[in-house]
């Protein structure tokens, strides 16, 4: 009997079915700058010339990490796409860029059109919320490389800024104040440690309602990584931000060190803000040492901003796009 592609594990019919459903979702994210239809070999995007004096393109690539494992176990796939888009948007914000468009990679062992469409629907909802286009993507069905019921995600985002408006941390000096916007949980980092403690060691069930969390463990762990786009824009309308750190893997100090020069140190005011209860639960059940918690997790700070003391006094404790800002520490 002849051997075909399907018998090797790749189902072209399923891929065509998924693509038809995905095209209609992607079209909902079109912006006036998008050129051409969905499905070309490359996406085309017209830069809105004239809006910036010295335009600079910025790009960032990331993934969702082992948060996907929680999604697999919970059978919930509509949040991880939003996680990835928002994570990438925040990375651009850290250097002062506005997002323009996003591209995704979806790799799997066996293509399940229903699951893929659910994931892509998360991408499109987040793209629309951030005002950007889902310009293109890639689906790879690779039997024997991934488990049949699992997939991996990666995303690339392109943004732009006026060169004079880039936020690179070069003006940060002694005495500057570190302000923060709160996180809502783990976001997309530290899930390997969280799963080890909560699922492997404590053997908590994802469907189990945890009183300390006020919800099921799955609902807590799959909370969507938020976008701080509107909040950062609102702050920038009021003052010049000297540095921004997106608090991801490496914690508060680790990510601030990416924008604060080696000649300065950081004084973090631990205990100055409310820490989401998921971190207390992980630390207690591990047990995990406090220093390790601070190295791995965001510990309640989603984005950190470095500003002058005068600017900090003007905006501390204010709300920007429903996010309340608070003092995280000082540059010393």
C-alpha atoms as a PDB file:
ATOM      1  CA  UNK A   1       0.000   0.000   0.000  1.00  0.00           C
ATOM      2  CA  UNK A   2       1.374   3.478  -0.905  1.00  0.00           C
ATOM      3  CA  UNK A   3       2.538   5.703   1.942  1.00  0.00           C
ATOM      4  CA  UNK A   4       1.064   9.214   2.122  1.00  0.00           C
ATOM      5  CA  UNK A   5       1.635  12.306   4.256  1.00  0.00           C
ATOM      6  CA  UNK A   6      -1.332  11.564   6.528  1.00  0.00           C
ATOM      7  CA  UNK A   7       0.001   8.123   7.401  1.00  0.00           C
ATOM      8  CA  UNK A   8       3.251   9.882   8.427  1.00  0.00           C
ATOM      9  CA  UNK A   9       1.277  11.951  10.925  1.00  0.00           C
ATOM     10  CA  UNK A  10       0.632  15.185   8.987  1.00  0.00           C
ATOM     11  CA  UNK A  11      -3.027  15.880   8.135  1.00  0.00           C
ATOM     12  CA  UNK A  12      -3.202  18.464   5.328  1.00  0.00           C
ATOM     13  CA  UNK A  13      -7.013  18.372   5.337  1.00  0.00           C
ATOM     14  CA  UNK A  14      -7.089  19.347   9.027  1.00  0.00           C
ATOM     15  CA  UNK A  15      -4.594  22.135   8.323  1.00  0.00           C
ATOM     16  CA  UNK A  16      -6.767  23.507   5.506  1.00  0.00           C
ATOM     17  CA  UNK A  17      -9.831  23.378   7.758  1.00  0.00           C
ATOM     18  CA  UNK A  18      -8.038  25.263  10.518  1.00  0.00           C
ATOM     19  CA  UNK A  19      -6.673  27.863   8.074  1.00  0.00           C
ATOM     20  CA  UNK A  20     -10.142  28.669   6.730  1.00  0.00           C
ATOM     21  CA  UNK A  21     -11.409  29.327  10.248  1.00  0.00           C
ATOM     22  CA  UNK A  22      -8.304  31.267  11.254  1.00  0.00           C
ATOM     23  CA  UNK A  23      -8.438  33.625   8.261  1.00  0.00           C
ATOM     24  CA  UNK A  24     -11.713  35.150   9.402  1.00  0.00           C
ATOM     25  CA  UNK A  25     -10.270  35.712  12.887  1.00  0.00           C
ATOM     26  CA  UNK A  26      -7.094  37.324  11.567  1.00  0.00           C
ATOM     27  CA  UNK A  27      -9.052  39.720   9.349  1.00  0.00           C
ATOM     28  CA  UNK A  28     -10.700  41.224  12.436  1.00  0.00           C
ATOM     29  CA  UNK A  29      -7.279  42.606  13.487  1.00  0.00           C
ATOM     30  CA  UNK A  30      -6.562  44.432  10.209  1.00  0.00           C
ATOM     31  CA  UNK A  31      -5.479  48.028  10.561  1.00  0.00           C
ATOM     32  CA  UNK A  32      -5.356  50.611   7.754  1.00  0.00           C
ATOM     33  CA  UNK A  33      -1.629  49.940   7.331  1.00  0.00           C
ATOM     34  CA  UNK A  34      -2.044  46.248   6.393  1.00  0.00           C
ATOM     35  CA  UNK A  35      -1.505  45.507   2.694  1.00  0.00           C
ATOM     36  CA  UNK A  36      -2.748  42.343   0.990  1.00  0.00           C
ATOM     37  CA  UNK A  37      -4.814  39.394   2.143  1.00  0.00           C
ATOM     38  CA  UNK A  38      -4.222  36.695   4.743  1.00  0.00           C
ATOM     39  CA  UNK A  39      -2.176  33.723   3.529  1.00  0.00           C
ATOM     40  CA  UNK A  40       0.543  35.373   1.442  1.00  0.00           C
ATOM     41  CA  UNK A  41       4.133  34.272   1.908  1.00  0.00           C
ATOM     42  CA  UNK A  42       4.860  37.424   3.886  1.00  0.00           C
ATOM     43  CA  UNK A  43       2.770  40.082   5.555  1.00  0.00           C
ATOM     44  CA  UNK A  44       3.009  43.657   4.292  1.00  0.00           C
ATOM     45  CA  UNK A  45       2.562  46.699   6.493  1.00  0.00           C
ATOM     46  CA  UNK A  46       2.604  50.342   5.428  1.00  0.00           C
ATOM     47  CA  UNK A  47       4.414  52.579   7.917  1.00  0.00           C
ATOM     48  CA  UNK A  48       2.371  55.700   8.741  1.00  0.00           C
ATOM     49  CA  UNK A  49       5.054  58.062   7.454  1.00  0.00           C
ATOM     50  CA  UNK A  50       5.027  61.578   8.839  1.00  0.00           C
ATOM     51  CA  UNK A  51       3.907  60.687  12.342  1.00  0.00           C
ATOM     52  CA  UNK A  52       7.473  60.460  13.675  1.00  0.00           C
ATOM     53  CA  UNK A  53      10.450  62.663  12.828  1.00  0.00           C
ATOM     54  CA  UNK A  54      13.129  59.966  13.162  1.00  0.00           C
ATOM     55  CA  UNK A  55      11.284  56.639  13.137  1.00  0.00           C
ATOM     56  CA  UNK A  56      13.020  53.583  14.579  1.00  0.00           C
ATOM     57  CA  UNK A  57      11.696  50.021  14.368  1.00  0.00           C
ATOM     58  CA  UNK A  58      11.878  47.784  17.449  1.00  0.00           C
ATOM     59  CA  UNK A  59      11.274  44.039  17.583  1.00  0.00           C
ATOM     60  CA  UNK A  60      10.863  41.408  20.289  1.00  0.00           C
ATOM     61  CA  UNK A  61      10.301  37.658  20.336  1.00  0.00           C
ATOM     62  CA  UNK A  62       9.033  35.515  23.205  1.00  0.00           C
ATOM     63  CA  UNK A  63       7.023  32.477  24.231  1.00  0.00           C
ATOM     64  CA  UNK A  64       4.605  31.440  26.970  1.00  0.00           C
ATOM     65  CA  UNK A  65       6.924  28.909  28.600  1.00  0.00           C
ATOM     66  CA  UNK A  66       5.613  26.077  30.737  1.00  0.00           C
ATOM     67  CA  UNK A  67       2.391  27.943  31.467  1.00  0.00           C
ATOM     68  CA  UNK A  68       1.307  25.916  28.438  1.00  0.00           C
ATOM     69  CA  UNK A  69       1.543  22.774  30.587  1.00  0.00           C
ATOM     70  CA  UNK A  70      -1.142  24.203  32.875  1.00  0.00           C
ATOM     71  CA  UNK A  71      -3.316  24.995  29.847  1.00  0.00           C
ATOM     72  CA  UNK A  72      -2.920  21.411  28.593  1.00  0.00           C
ATOM     73  CA  UNK A  73      -3.881  19.938  31.971  1.00  0.00           C
ATOM     74  CA  UNK A  74      -6.847  22.299  32.354  1.00  0.00           C
ATOM     75  CA  UNK A  75      -7.989  21.854  28.745  1.00  0.00           C
ATOM     76  CA  UNK A  76      -8.254  25.650  28.399  1.00  0.00           C
ATOM     77  CA  UNK A  77      -6.605  27.217  25.384  1.00  0.00           C
ATOM     78  CA  UNK A  78      -8.164  30.652  24.851  1.00  0.00           C
ATOM     79  CA  UNK A  79      -5.907  32.540  27.293  1.00  0.00           C
ATOM     80  CA  UNK A  80      -2.344  31.617  26.287  1.00  0.00           C
ATOM     81  CA  UNK A  81      -2.555  33.535  23.015  1.00  0.00           C
ATOM     82  CA  UNK A  82      -3.545  36.679  24.895  1.00  0.00           C
ATOM     83  CA  UNK A  83      -0.677  36.043  27.332  1.00  0.00           C
ATOM     84  CA  UNK A  84       1.846  36.031  24.525  1.00  0.00           C
ATOM     85  CA  UNK A  85       0.608  39.148  22.713  1.00  0.00           C
ATOM     86  CA  UNK A  86       0.426  41.190  25.928  1.00  0.00           C
ATOM     87  CA  UNK A  87       3.846  39.967  27.089  1.00  0.00           C
ATOM     88  CA  UNK A  88       5.393  41.087  23.794  1.00  0.00           C
ATOM     89  CA  UNK A  89       3.586  44.449  23.892  1.00  0.00           C
ATOM     90  CA  UNK A  90       5.003  45.085  27.373  1.00  0.00           C
ATOM     91  CA  UNK A  91       8.509  44.270  26.184  1.00  0.00           C
ATOM     92  CA  UNK A  92       8.225  46.951  23.501  1.00  0.00           C
ATOM     93  CA  UNK A  93       6.854  49.434  26.021  1.00  0.00           C
ATOM     94  CA  UNK A  94       9.969  48.971  28.132  1.00  0.00           C
ATOM     95  CA  UNK A  95      11.965  50.780  25.435  1.00  0.00           C
ATOM     96  CA  UNK A  96       9.337  53.383  24.616  1.00  0.00           C
ATOM     97  CA  UNK A  97       7.868  51.816  21.472  1.00  0.00           C
ATOM     98  CA  UNK A  98       4.292  51.649  20.223  1.00  0.00           C
ATOM     99  CA  UNK A  99       3.305  48.212  18.857  1.00  0.00           C
ATOM    100  CA  UNK A 100       2.410  47.902  15.178  1.00  0.00           C
ATOM    101  CA  UNK A 101       1.908  44.226  14.336  1.00  0.00           C
ATOM    102  CA  UNK A 102       2.374  40.692  15.657  1.00  0.00           C
ATOM    103  CA  UNK A 103       3.287  37.331  14.120  1.00  0.00           C
ATOM    104  CA  UNK A 104       2.824  33.909  15.700  1.00  0.00           C
ATOM    105  CA  UNK A 105       4.327  30.430  15.484  1.00  0.00           C
ATOM    106  CA  UNK A 106       2.226  27.385  16.399  1.00  0.00           C
ATOM    107  CA  UNK A 107       4.061  24.041  16.475  1.00  0.00           C
ATOM    108  CA  UNK A 108       2.309  20.785  17.366  1.00  0.00           C
ATOM    109  CA  UNK A 109       2.567  17.008  17.157  1.00  0.00           C
ATOM    110  CA  UNK A 110      -0.928  16.436  15.781  1.00  0.00           C
ATOM    111  CA  UNK A 111      -2.998  19.361  14.542  1.00  0.00           C
ATOM    112  CA  UNK A 112      -6.332  19.733  16.296  1.00  0.00           C
ATOM    113  CA  UNK A 113      -8.194  22.503  14.418  1.00  0.00           C
ATOM    114  CA  UNK A 114     -10.522  23.235  17.350  1.00  0.00           C
ATOM    115  CA  UNK A 115      -7.611  23.766  19.749  1.00  0.00           C
ATOM    116  CA  UNK A 116      -5.639  25.859  17.263  1.00  0.00           C
ATOM    117  CA  UNK A 117      -8.602  28.100  16.514  1.00  0.00           C
ATOM    118  CA  UNK A 118      -9.135  28.600  20.247  1.00  0.00           C
ATOM    119  CA  UNK A 119      -5.497  29.655  20.638  1.00  0.00           C
ATOM    120  CA  UNK A 120      -5.590  31.980  17.610  1.00  0.00           C
ATOM    121  CA  UNK A 121      -8.807  33.551  18.894  1.00  0.00           C
ATOM    122  CA  UNK A 122      -6.801  34.593  21.953  1.00  0.00           C
ATOM    123  CA  UNK A 123      -4.171  36.157  19.686  1.00  0.00           C
ATOM    124  CA  UNK A 124      -6.774  38.106  17.742  1.00  0.00           C
ATOM    125  CA  UNK A 125      -8.637  39.388  20.810  1.00  0.00           C
ATOM    126  CA  UNK A 126      -5.399  40.643  22.350  1.00  0.00           C
ATOM    127  CA  UNK A 127      -4.243  42.197  19.070  1.00  0.00           C
ATOM    128  CA  UNK A 128      -7.527  44.084  18.732  1.00  0.00           C
ATOM    129  CA  UNK A 129      -7.357  45.233  22.358  1.00  0.00           C
ATOM    130  CA  UNK A 130      -3.836  46.596  21.774  1.00  0.00           C
ATOM    131  CA  UNK A 131      -4.749  48.153  18.427  1.00  0.00           C
ATOM    132  CA  UNK A 132      -2.322  46.039  16.390  1.00  0.00           C
ATOM    133  CA  UNK A 133      -2.590  43.696  13.431  1.00  0.00           C
ATOM    134  CA  UNK A 134      -1.998  39.954  13.493  1.00  0.00           C
ATOM    135  CA  UNK A 135       0.016  40.186  10.295  1.00  0.00           C
ATOM    136  CA  UNK A 136       0.909  36.549   9.774  1.00  0.00           C
ATOM    137  CA  UNK A 137       2.039  33.320  11.334  1.00  0.00           C
ATOM    138  CA  UNK A 138       3.236  29.771  10.859  1.00  0.00           C
ATOM    139  CA  UNK A 139       1.659  26.429  11.713  1.00  0.00           C
ATOM    140  CA  UNK A 140       3.974  23.408  11.887  1.00  0.00           C
ATOM    141  CA  UNK A 141       2.649  19.887  12.405  1.00  0.00           C
ATOM    142  CA  UNK A 142       5.638  17.744  13.431  1.00  0.00           C
ATOM    143  CA  UNK A 143       4.707  14.215  14.526  1.00  0.00           C
ATOM    144  CA  UNK A 144       7.306  12.629  16.761  1.00  0.00           C
ATOM    145  CA  UNK A 145       8.758  15.997  17.723  1.00  0.00           C
ATOM    146  CA  UNK A 146       5.941  17.207  19.985  1.00  0.00           C
ATOM    147  CA  UNK A 147       3.509  15.031  21.924  1.00  0.00           C
ATOM    148  CA  UNK A 148       0.294  14.489  19.945  1.00  0.00           C
ATOM    149  CA  UNK A 149      -1.852  16.476  22.375  1.00  0.00           C
ATOM    150  CA  UNK A 150       0.614  19.316  22.988  1.00  0.00           C
ATOM    151  CA  UNK A 151       1.778  22.403  21.129  1.00  0.00           C
ATOM    152  CA  UNK A 152       4.276  25.227  21.497  1.00  0.00           C
ATOM    153  CA  UNK A 153       3.850  28.942  20.874  1.00  0.00           C
ATOM    154  CA  UNK A 154       6.176  31.764  19.986  1.00  0.00           C
ATOM    155  CA  UNK A 155       5.435  35.310  18.956  1.00  0.00           C
ATOM    156  CA  UNK A 156       7.262  38.199  17.354  1.00  0.00           C
ATOM    157  CA  UNK A 157       6.121  41.795  17.687  1.00  0.00           C
ATOM    158  CA  UNK A 158       7.225  44.833  15.711  1.00  0.00           C
ATOM    159  CA  UNK A 159       6.827  48.359  17.021  1.00  0.00           C
ATOM    160  CA  UNK A 160       8.191  51.793  16.388  1.00  0.00           C
ATOM    161  CA  UNK A 161       9.240  54.950  18.153  1.00  0.00           C
ATOM    162  CA  UNK A 162      10.775  58.298  17.425  1.00  0.00           C
ATOM    163  CA  UNK A 163      14.483  57.903  18.130  1.00  0.00           C
ATOM    164  CA  UNK A 164      14.383  60.899  20.484  1.00  0.00           C
ATOM    165  CA  UNK A 165      11.603  59.209  22.505  1.00  0.00           C
ATOM    166  CA  UNK A 166      13.345  55.879  23.109  1.00  0.00           C
ATOM    167  CA  UNK A 167      13.585  54.881  26.780  1.00  0.00           C
ATOM    168  CA  UNK A 168      17.046  53.394  27.285  1.00  0.00           C
ATOM    169  CA  UNK A 169      17.853  54.180  30.917  1.00  0.00           C
ATOM    170  CA  UNK A 170      20.761  56.495  30.057  1.00  0.00           C
ATOM    171  CA  UNK A 171      19.415  59.413  32.129  1.00  0.00           C
ATOM    172  CA  UNK A 172      18.880  57.396  35.326  1.00  0.00           C
ATOM    173  CA  UNK A 173      20.778  58.844  38.284  1.00  0.00           C
ATOM    174  CA  UNK A 174      21.185  58.465  42.032  1.00  0.00           C
ATOM    175  CA  UNK A 175      18.037  59.391  43.921  1.00  0.00           C
ATOM    176  CA  UNK A 176      15.600  58.473  41.160  1.00  0.00           C
ATOM    177  CA  UNK A 177      12.439  56.707  42.282  1.00  0.00           C
ATOM    178  CA  UNK A 178      11.211  53.313  41.104  1.00  0.00           C
ATOM    179  CA  UNK A 179       7.435  53.168  40.721  1.00  0.00           C
ATOM    180  CA  UNK A 180       5.408  50.089  39.865  1.00  0.00           C
ATOM    181  CA  UNK A 181       2.148  48.886  38.393  1.00  0.00           C
ATOM    182  CA  UNK A 182       0.758  45.774  40.096  1.00  0.00           C
ATOM    183  CA  UNK A 183       0.816  42.288  38.651  1.00  0.00           C
ATOM    184  CA  UNK A 184      -2.210  39.989  38.857  1.00  0.00           C
ATOM    185  CA  UNK A 185      -0.221  36.802  39.477  1.00  0.00           C
ATOM    186  CA  UNK A 186       2.546  34.832  37.810  1.00  0.00           C
ATOM    187  CA  UNK A 187       1.893  36.341  34.357  1.00  0.00           C
ATOM    188  CA  UNK A 188       4.070  34.081  32.120  1.00  0.00           C
ATOM    189  CA  UNK A 189       7.102  33.345  34.287  1.00  0.00           C
ATOM    190  CA  UNK A 190       8.129  30.920  36.998  1.00  0.00           C
ATOM    191  CA  UNK A 191       5.692  28.169  36.053  1.00  0.00           C
ATOM    192  CA  UNK A 192       8.253  25.375  36.273  1.00  0.00           C
ATOM    193  CA  UNK A 193       8.794  26.148  39.964  1.00  0.00           C
ATOM    194  CA  UNK A 194       5.098  26.819  40.564  1.00  0.00           C
ATOM    195  CA  UNK A 195       4.080  23.491  39.015  1.00  0.00           C
ATOM    196  CA  UNK A 196       6.772  21.632  40.954  1.00  0.00           C
ATOM    197  CA  UNK A 197       5.488  23.043  44.254  1.00  0.00           C
ATOM    198  CA  UNK A 198       1.727  23.137  43.683  1.00  0.00           C
ATOM    199  CA  UNK A 199       1.107  20.138  41.446  1.00  0.00           C
ATOM    200  CA  UNK A 200       4.001  17.715  42.036  1.00  0.00           C
ATOM    201  CA  UNK A 201       4.802  18.257  45.725  1.00  0.00           C
ATOM    202  CA  UNK A 202       1.566  19.591  47.268  1.00  0.00           C
ATOM    203  CA  UNK A 203      -0.519  17.596  44.754  1.00  0.00           C
ATOM    204  CA  UNK A 204      -3.215  20.262  44.515  1.00  0.00           C
ATOM    205  CA  UNK A 205      -5.880  19.710  41.866  1.00  0.00           C
ATOM    206  CA  UNK A 206      -6.323  22.326  39.152  1.00  0.00           C
ATOM    207  CA  UNK A 207     -10.099  22.188  39.651  1.00  0.00           C
ATOM    208  CA  UNK A 208      -9.694  22.534  43.423  1.00  0.00           C
ATOM    209  CA  UNK A 209     -11.036  25.748  44.939  1.00  0.00           C
ATOM    210  CA  UNK A 210      -8.254  27.272  47.049  1.00  0.00           C
ATOM    211  CA  UNK A 211      -9.590  29.505  49.815  1.00  0.00           C
ATOM    212  CA  UNK A 212      -6.424  31.639  49.914  1.00  0.00           C
ATOM    213  CA  UNK A 213      -6.823  32.369  46.204  1.00  0.00           C
ATOM    214  CA  UNK A 214     -10.589  32.823  46.140  1.00  0.00           C
ATOM    215  CA  UNK A 215     -10.841  30.671  42.999  1.00  0.00           C
ATOM    216  CA  UNK A 216      -9.711  27.369  41.534  1.00  0.00           C
ATOM    217  CA  UNK A 217      -6.004  26.795  41.084  1.00  0.00           C
ATOM    218  CA  UNK A 218      -6.456  26.621  37.290  1.00  0.00           C
ATOM    219  CA  UNK A 219      -8.246  29.972  37.190  1.00  0.00           C
ATOM    220  CA  UNK A 220      -5.451  31.553  39.215  1.00  0.00           C
ATOM    221  CA  UNK A 221      -2.578  30.066  37.227  1.00  0.00           C
ATOM    222  CA  UNK A 222      -4.203  30.889  33.873  1.00  0.00           C
ATOM    223  CA  UNK A 223      -4.962  34.528  34.650  1.00  0.00           C
ATOM    224  CA  UNK A 224      -4.015  36.484  31.548  1.00  0.00           C
ATOM    225  CA  UNK A 225      -0.756  38.404  31.526  1.00  0.00           C
ATOM    226  CA  UNK A 226      -2.078  41.989  31.241  1.00  0.00           C
ATOM    227  CA  UNK A 227      -1.012  44.662  28.793  1.00  0.00           C
ATOM    228  CA  UNK A 228       0.151  47.925  30.374  1.00  0.00           C
ATOM    229  CA  UNK A 229      -0.030  49.819  27.075  1.00  0.00           C
ATOM    230  CA  UNK A 230      -2.665  52.394  28.026  1.00  0.00           C
ATOM    231  CA  UNK A 231      -1.225  52.886  31.519  1.00  0.00           C
ATOM    232  CA  UNK A 232       2.278  53.611  30.198  1.00  0.00           C
ATOM    233  CA  UNK A 233       0.875  55.946  27.540  1.00  0.00           C
ATOM    234  CA  UNK A 234      -1.031  57.823  30.223  1.00  0.00           C
ATOM    235  CA  UNK A 235       2.086  58.257  32.374  1.00  0.00           C
ATOM    236  CA  UNK A 236       4.134  59.447  29.384  1.00  0.00           C
ATOM    237  CA  UNK A 237       1.564  62.166  28.699  1.00  0.00           C
ATOM    238  CA  UNK A 238       2.394  63.595  32.135  1.00  0.00           C
ATOM    239  CA  UNK A 239       6.176  63.165  32.417  1.00  0.00           C
ATOM    240  CA  UNK A 240       9.412  61.807  30.976  1.00  0.00           C
ATOM    241  CA  UNK A 241      10.077  58.238  32.081  1.00  0.00           C
ATOM    242  CA  UNK A 242      13.802  57.542  32.498  1.00  0.00           C
ATOM    243  CA  UNK A 243      13.611  53.756  32.474  1.00  0.00           C
ATOM    244  CA  UNK A 244      11.057  50.953  32.275  1.00  0.00           C
ATOM    245  CA  UNK A 245      11.467  47.295  33.240  1.00  0.00           C
ATOM    246  CA  UNK A 246       8.939  44.618  32.330  1.00  0.00           C
ATOM    247  CA  UNK A 247       9.125  42.317  35.363  1.00  0.00           C
ATOM    248  CA  UNK A 248       9.425  38.833  33.905  1.00  0.00           C
ATOM    249  CA  UNK A 249      11.851  35.974  34.641  1.00  0.00           C
ATOM    250  CA  UNK A 250      14.560  37.233  36.953  1.00  0.00           C
ATOM    251  CA  UNK A 251      12.254  39.163  39.243  1.00  0.00           C
ATOM    252  CA  UNK A 252      12.157  42.837  40.141  1.00  0.00           C
ATOM    253  CA  UNK A 253      15.855  43.427  40.708  1.00  0.00           C
ATOM    254  CA  UNK A 254      16.993  41.229  37.834  1.00  0.00           C
ATOM    255  CA  UNK A 255      14.905  43.102  35.291  1.00  0.00           C
ATOM    256  CA  UNK A 256      15.638  46.556  36.675  1.00  0.00           C
ATOM    257  CA  UNK A 257      19.344  45.770  36.326  1.00  0.00           C
ATOM    258  CA  UNK A 258      18.755  45.628  32.552  1.00  0.00           C
ATOM    259  CA  UNK A 259      18.019  49.387  32.504  1.00  0.00           C
ATOM    260  CA  UNK A 260      19.954  50.704  35.526  1.00  0.00           C
ATOM    261  CA  UNK A 261      23.713  51.016  34.965  1.00  0.00           C
ATOM    262  CA  UNK A 262      26.237  49.060  37.055  1.00  0.00           C
ATOM    263  CA  UNK A 263      27.434  52.245  38.764  1.00  0.00           C
ATOM    264  CA  UNK A 264      24.115  52.429  40.622  1.00  0.00           C
ATOM    265  CA  UNK A 265      22.499  50.081  43.123  1.00  0.00           C
ATOM    266  CA  UNK A 266      18.846  49.350  43.852  1.00  0.00           C
ATOM    267  CA  UNK A 267      17.036  49.712  47.154  1.00  0.00           C
ATOM    268  CA  UNK A 268      13.748  47.799  46.921  1.00  0.00           C
ATOM    269  CA  UNK A 269      11.100  48.617  49.511  1.00  0.00           C
ATOM    270  CA  UNK A 270       9.820  45.080  50.000  1.00  0.00           C
ATOM    271  CA  UNK A 271       6.455  45.115  51.742  1.00  0.00           C
ATOM    272  CA  UNK A 272       5.396  48.445  50.234  1.00  0.00           C
ATOM    273  CA  UNK A 273       2.749  46.886  47.983  1.00  0.00           C
ATOM    274  CA  UNK A 274       0.236  44.051  48.043  1.00  0.00           C
ATOM    275  CA  UNK A 275       1.632  40.708  46.903  1.00  0.00           C
ATOM    276  CA  UNK A 276      -0.876  38.401  45.140  1.00  0.00           C
ATOM    277  CA  UNK A 277      -1.716  35.409  47.378  1.00  0.00           C
ATOM    278  CA  UNK A 278      -0.437  32.846  44.859  1.00  0.00           C
ATOM    279  CA  UNK A 279       3.126  33.807  45.813  1.00  0.00           C
ATOM    280  CA  UNK A 280       2.497  33.341  49.534  1.00  0.00           C
ATOM    281  CA  UNK A 281       1.017  29.917  48.760  1.00  0.00           C
ATOM    282  CA  UNK A 282       4.036  28.817  46.708  1.00  0.00           C
ATOM    283  CA  UNK A 283       6.494  30.084  49.326  1.00  0.00           C
ATOM    284  CA  UNK A 284       4.647  28.308  52.152  1.00  0.00           C
ATOM    285  CA  UNK A 285       3.995  24.971  50.432  1.00  0.00           C
ATOM    286  CA  UNK A 286       7.456  24.611  48.921  1.00  0.00           C
ATOM    287  CA  UNK A 287       8.841  25.743  51.125  1.00  0.00           C
ATOM    288  CA  UNK A 288      10.710  28.185  48.904  1.00  0.00           C
ATOM    289  CA  UNK A 289      13.186  30.645  50.417  1.00  0.00           C
ATOM    290  CA  UNK A 290      12.233  34.327  50.192  1.00  0.00           C
ATOM    291  CA  UNK A 291      15.345  35.242  48.197  1.00  0.00           C
ATOM    292  CA  UNK A 292      14.532  32.538  45.662  1.00  0.00           C
ATOM    293  CA  UNK A 293      10.940  33.778  45.350  1.00  0.00           C
ATOM    294  CA  UNK A 294      12.265  37.260  44.601  1.00  0.00           C
ATOM    295  CA  UNK A 295      14.730  35.932  42.010  1.00  0.00           C
ATOM    296  CA  UNK A 296      12.102  33.906  40.145  1.00  0.00           C
ATOM    297  CA  UNK A 297       8.767  35.748  40.341  1.00  0.00           C
ATOM    298  CA  UNK A 298       7.457  39.274  39.790  1.00  0.00           C
ATOM    299  CA  UNK A 299       6.168  39.289  43.404  1.00  0.00           C
ATOM    300  CA  UNK A 300       3.320  41.675  42.611  1.00  0.00           C
ATOM    301  CA  UNK A 301       5.062  44.168  40.319  1.00  0.00           C
ATOM    302  CA  UNK A 302       4.152  43.907  36.636  1.00  0.00           C
ATOM    303  CA  UNK A 303       5.990  46.925  35.268  1.00  0.00           C
ATOM    304  CA  UNK A 304       8.529  49.169  37.004  1.00  0.00           C
ATOM    305  CA  UNK A 305       9.202  52.781  36.006  1.00  0.00           C
ATOM    306  CA  UNK A 306      12.204  54.913  36.963  1.00  0.00           C
ATOM    307  CA  UNK A 307      11.394  58.630  37.292  1.00  0.00           C
ATOM    308  CA  UNK A 308      12.804  61.721  38.991  1.00  0.00           C
ATOM    309  CA  UNK A 309      11.842  62.344  42.650  1.00  0.00           C
ATOM    310  CA  UNK A 310       9.746  65.390  41.668  1.00  0.00           C
ATOM    311  CA  UNK A 311       7.788  63.392  39.097  1.00  0.00           C
ATOM    312  CA  UNK A 312       7.355  60.542  41.558  1.00  0.00           C
ATOM    313  CA  UNK A 313       5.797  62.904  44.106  1.00  0.00           C
ATOM    314  CA  UNK A 314       3.329  64.113  41.472  1.00  0.00           C
ATOM    315  CA  UNK A 315       2.044  60.732  40.369  1.00  0.00           C
ATOM    316  CA  UNK A 316       2.640  58.273  43.241  1.00  0.00           C
ATOM    317  CA  UNK A 317      -0.615  56.577  44.310  1.00  0.00           C
ATOM    318  CA  UNK A 318      -2.442  57.864  41.210  1.00  0.00           C
ATOM    319  CA  UNK A 319      -4.344  55.628  38.797  1.00  0.00           C
ATOM    320  CA  UNK A 320      -3.480  55.315  35.127  1.00  0.00           C
ATOM    321  CA  UNK A 321      -5.890  53.364  32.910  1.00  0.00           C
ATOM    322  CA  UNK A 322      -7.315  51.746  36.102  1.00  0.00           C
ATOM    323  CA  UNK A 323      -3.842  50.689  37.303  1.00  0.00           C
ATOM    324  CA  UNK A 324      -2.760  52.221  40.607  1.00  0.00           C
ATOM    325  CA  UNK A 325       0.905  53.166  40.755  1.00  0.00           C
ATOM    326  CA  UNK A 326       3.028  52.748  43.892  1.00  0.00           C
ATOM    327  CA  UNK A 327       6.619  53.180  45.039  1.00  0.00           C
ATOM    328  CA  UNK A 328       8.836  50.119  44.618  1.00  0.00           C
ATOM    329  CA  UNK A 329      12.223  51.512  45.615  1.00  0.00           C
ATOM    330  CA  UNK A 330      15.067  53.922  44.868  1.00  0.00           C
ATOM    331  CA  UNK A 331      18.206  54.129  42.754  1.00  0.00           C
ATOM    332  CA  UNK A 332      21.145  54.600  45.143  1.00  0.00           C
END
